[in-house]
Amino acid sequence: MKNVTDSFISLDYWPSAGSFGFNTDILATNPINLSVVLGGLIFFGKGVLNDLLDNRKQRILNTIRNSEELRGGVIEELEKARTRLRKVEMEADQYRVNGYSEIEQKILSLRTSASTTLEQLENNKNETIHFEQQRAINQIRQRVFQQALQGALETLNSCLNTELHLRIISANIGMFGAMKEITD
């Protein structure tokens, strides 16, 4: 063993020490040692490598499974949100329709109220005109009656003499007396 260590320490054993190159001597490269080391690595490293790959595979599968679960949850939430959106849209449409129908009802009510008010105003106007006409007619009648009465009195006073005056008074007294007898 001393020779082996000396050979590694001594640079005389390797003539090309300090330069790089390929050694084509099969015995010098020690293929048996390399095959044993490689075989050991493959035999023992295979389990470790398989364990690492299995762990990696499990993590990837778990990540995919979690992603699928999250995706399912997100899809479910999306469907719930879409359902709520459709419900809100239907309610908004209902409010819109109700709002329009309420506006139309108010417009119809205002039109009816305005029509009724106009009819009442027209009736009041007609009644006022009729009342004013009746008042004007009554005033004219009173004036005509007063003028006719005044004219009749003037005619009577101008045509009436004392004798005719006494006869009219006697005739009226007689009529009042006859009326008194009938009522008693």
Protein backbone atom coordinates (compact mmCIF):
# COMPACT_ATOMS: atom_id res chain seq x y z
CA MET A 1 0.00 0.00 0.00
CA LYS A 2 2.91 2.18 0.52
CA ASN A 3 3.70 1.90 -3.16
CA VAL A 4 0.25 3.04 -4.14
CA THR A 5 0.46 6.12 -1.97
CA ASP A 6 3.95 6.80 -3.11
CA SER A 7 2.84 6.52 -6.67
CA PHE A 8 0.14 9.10 -6.14
CA ILE A 9 2.56 11.41 -4.39
CA SER A 10 5.41 10.86 -6.77
CA LEU A 11 5.00 12.54 -10.09
CA ASP A 12 7.69 10.31 -11.62
CA TYR A 13 5.12 7.50 -11.92
CA TRP A 14 2.97 9.54 -14.23
CA PRO A 15 5.05 10.83 -17.03
CA SER A 16 2.43 13.22 -18.34
CA ALA A 17 1.58 14.77 -15.00
CA GLY A 18 0.60 18.35 -15.35
CA SER A 19 -0.92 17.94 -18.80
CA PHE A 20 -4.35 16.76 -19.85
CA GLY A 21 -5.00 13.80 -22.11
CA PHE A 22 -6.78 10.48 -22.57
CA ASN A 23 -5.25 7.36 -21.18
CA THR A 24 -5.92 4.52 -23.59
CA ASP A 25 -4.45 1.87 -21.38
CA ILE A 26 -7.36 -0.21 -20.10
CA LEU A 27 -5.43 -1.64 -17.19
CA ALA A 28 -4.29 1.76 -16.03
CA THR A 29 -7.83 3.18 -15.96
CA ASN A 30 -8.99 0.39 -13.71
CA PRO A 31 -12.30 -0.56 -15.38
CA ILE A 32 -13.12 -3.04 -12.68
CA ASN A 33 -13.05 -0.39 -10.00
CA LEU A 34 -15.14 1.90 -12.10
CA SER A 35 -17.72 -0.81 -12.82
CA VAL A 36 -17.92 -1.70 -9.12
CA VAL A 37 -18.40 1.96 -8.18
CA LEU A 38 -20.93 2.48 -10.94
CA GLY A 39 -22.75 -0.76 -10.05
CA GLY A 40 -22.89 0.28 -6.39
CA LEU A 41 -24.16 3.69 -7.32
CA ILE A 42 -26.83 2.20 -9.54
CA PHE A 43 -27.81 -0.47 -7.02
CA PHE A 44 -27.87 1.77 -3.93
CA GLY A 45 -28.66 5.04 -5.69
CA LYS A 46 -31.55 3.48 -7.54
CA GLY A 47 -33.64 3.28 -4.33
CA VAL A 48 -32.74 6.81 -3.29
CA LEU A 49 -33.39 8.10 -6.79
CA ASN A 50 -36.69 6.17 -6.93
CA ASP A 51 -37.65 7.59 -3.53
CA LEU A 52 -36.77 11.11 -4.68
CA LEU A 53 -38.71 10.63 -7.91
CA ASP A 54 -41.67 9.07 -6.05
CA ASN A 55 -41.69 11.98 -3.58
CA ARG A 56 -41.49 14.43 -6.45
CA LYS A 57 -44.24 12.54 -8.27
CA GLN A 58 -46.43 12.58 -5.13
CA ARG A 59 -45.86 16.32 -4.63
CA ILE A 60 -46.75 16.96 -8.28
CA LEU A 61 -49.84 14.73 -8.01
CA ASN A 62 -50.85 16.45 -4.74
CA THR A 63 -50.32 19.84 -6.37
CA ILE A 64 -52.42 18.76 -9.36
CA ARG A 65 -55.10 17.33 -7.04
CA ASN A 66 -55.14 20.53 -4.98
CA SER A 67 -55.27 22.58 -8.17
CA GLU A 68 -58.18 20.47 -9.41
CA GLU A 69 -59.99 20.91 -6.08
CA LEU A 70 -59.34 24.65 -6.16
CA ARG A 71 -60.45 24.73 -9.78
CA GLY A 72 -63.64 22.87 -8.83
CA GLY A 73 -64.23 25.29 -5.96
CA VAL A 74 -63.57 28.27 -8.19
CA ILE A 75 -65.91 26.87 -10.86
CA GLU A 76 -68.56 26.31 -8.18
CA GLU A 77 -68.09 29.87 -6.89
CA LEU A 78 -68.23 31.14 -10.47
CA GLU A 79 -71.53 29.33 -11.03
CA LYS A 80 -72.87 30.73 -7.76
CA ALA A 81 -71.76 34.22 -8.82
CA ARG A 82 -73.39 33.74 -12.23
CA THR A 83 -76.58 32.58 -10.54
CA ARG A 84 -76.53 35.63 -8.24
CA LEU A 85 -75.82 37.85 -11.26
CA ARG A 86 -78.79 36.40 -13.15
CA LYS A 87 -80.96 36.86 -10.06
CA VAL A 88 -79.81 40.47 -9.63
CA GLU A 89 -80.35 41.13 -13.35
CA MET A 90 -83.87 39.69 -13.10
CA GLU A 91 -84.57 41.83 -10.04
CA ALA A 92 -83.17 44.89 -11.83
CA ASP A 93 -85.37 44.12 -14.83
CA GLN A 94 -88.34 43.70 -12.50
CA TYR A 95 -87.58 47.02 -10.81
CA ARG A 96 -87.18 48.62 -14.21
CA VAL A 97 -90.51 47.19 -15.43
CA ASN A 98 -92.22 48.13 -12.16
CA GLY A 99 -90.69 51.59 -12.35
CA TYR A 100 -91.92 52.05 -15.90
CA SER A 101 -95.39 50.78 -15.04
CA GLU A 102 -95.51 53.05 -11.97
CA ILE A 103 -94.47 55.99 -14.14
CA GLU A 104 -97.14 55.10 -16.70
CA GLN A 105 -99.73 54.79 -13.93
CA LYS A 106 -98.72 58.16 -12.50
CA ILE A 107 -98.87 59.73 -15.96
CA LEU A 108 -102.33 58.20 -16.49
CA SER A 109 -103.40 59.40 -13.04
CA LEU A 110 -102.09 62.91 -13.76
CA ARG A 111 -103.88 62.96 -17.11
CA THR A 112 -107.12 61.81 -15.49
CA SER A 113 -106.74 64.36 -12.71
CA ALA A 114 -105.97 67.13 -15.20
CA SER A 115 -108.97 66.12 -17.32
CA THR A 116 -111.23 66.11 -14.26
CA THR A 117 -109.89 69.48 -13.15
CA LEU A 118 -110.43 70.92 -16.63
CA GLU A 119 -114.00 69.61 -16.66
CA GLN A 120 -114.64 71.15 -13.26
CA LEU A 121 -113.14 74.44 -14.39
CA GLU A 122 -115.27 74.34 -17.54
CA ASN A 123 -118.40 73.62 -15.47
CA ASN A 124 -117.53 76.41 -13.02
CA LYS A 125 -116.95 78.78 -15.93
CA ASN A 126 -120.29 77.83 -17.50
CA GLU A 127 -122.07 78.21 -14.15
CA THR A 128 -120.41 81.60 -13.60
CA ILE A 129 -121.39 82.73 -17.10
CA HIS A 130 -124.98 81.51 -16.56
CA PHE A 131 -125.13 83.23 -13.15
CA GLU A 132 -123.80 86.49 -14.59
CA GLN A 133 -126.27 86.26 -17.47
CA GLN A 134 -129.16 85.73 -15.03
CA ARG A 135 -127.95 88.60 -12.88
CA ALA A 136 -127.65 90.86 -15.93
CA ILE A 137 -131.13 89.82 -17.11
CA ASN A 138 -132.55 90.48 -13.65
CA GLN A 139 -130.91 93.90 -13.51
CA ILE A 140 -132.27 94.72 -16.94
CA ARG A 141 -135.75 93.51 -15.93
CA GLN A 142 -135.63 95.62 -12.80
CA ARG A 143 -134.63 98.70 -14.78
CA VAL A 144 -137.28 98.02 -17.43
CA PHE A 145 -139.86 97.43 -14.71
CA GLN A 146 -138.83 100.59 -12.87
CA GLN A 147 -138.91 102.61 -16.09
CA ALA A 148 -142.27 101.09 -17.08
CA LEU A 149 -143.65 101.72 -13.61
CA GLN A 150 -142.34 105.24 -13.62
CA GLY A 151 -143.78 105.81 -17.08
CA ALA A 152 -147.14 104.34 -16.02
CA LEU A 153 -147.20 106.51 -12.92
CA GLU A 154 -146.43 109.58 -14.97
CA THR A 155 -149.16 108.63 -17.46
CA LEU A 156 -151.62 107.96 -14.67
CA ASN A 157 -150.77 111.20 -12.90
CA SER A 158 -151.13 113.17 -16.07
CA CYS A 159 -154.45 111.50 -17.06
CA LEU A 160 -155.93 111.06 -13.66
CA ASN A 161 -158.34 113.64 -12.45
CA THR A 162 -160.00 113.80 -9.06
CA GLU A 163 -163.17 112.06 -10.01
CA LEU A 164 -161.35 109.11 -11.65
CA HIS A 165 -159.08 108.95 -8.69
CA LEU A 166 -161.98 108.62 -6.24
CA ARG A 167 -163.62 105.92 -8.34
CA ILE A 168 -160.41 103.81 -8.41
CA ILE A 169 -160.03 104.14 -4.66
CA SER A 170 -163.67 103.11 -4.11
CA ALA A 171 -163.28 100.13 -6.46
CA ASN A 172 -160.16 98.99 -4.66
CA ILE A 173 -161.81 99.35 -1.26
CA GLY A 174 -164.70 97.26 -2.55
CA MET A 175 -162.34 94.57 -3.79
CA PHE A 176 -160.52 94.47 -0.48
CA GLY A 177 -163.82 94.19 1.36
CA ALA A 178 -164.96 91.30 -0.87
CA MET A 179 -161.67 89.52 -0.32
CA LYS A 180 -162.04 89.98 3.40
CA GLU A 181 -165.49 88.44 3.40
CA ILE A 182 -164.21 85.42 1.42
CA THR A 183 -161.36 84.79 3.81
CA ASP A 184 -163.56 85.06 6.91
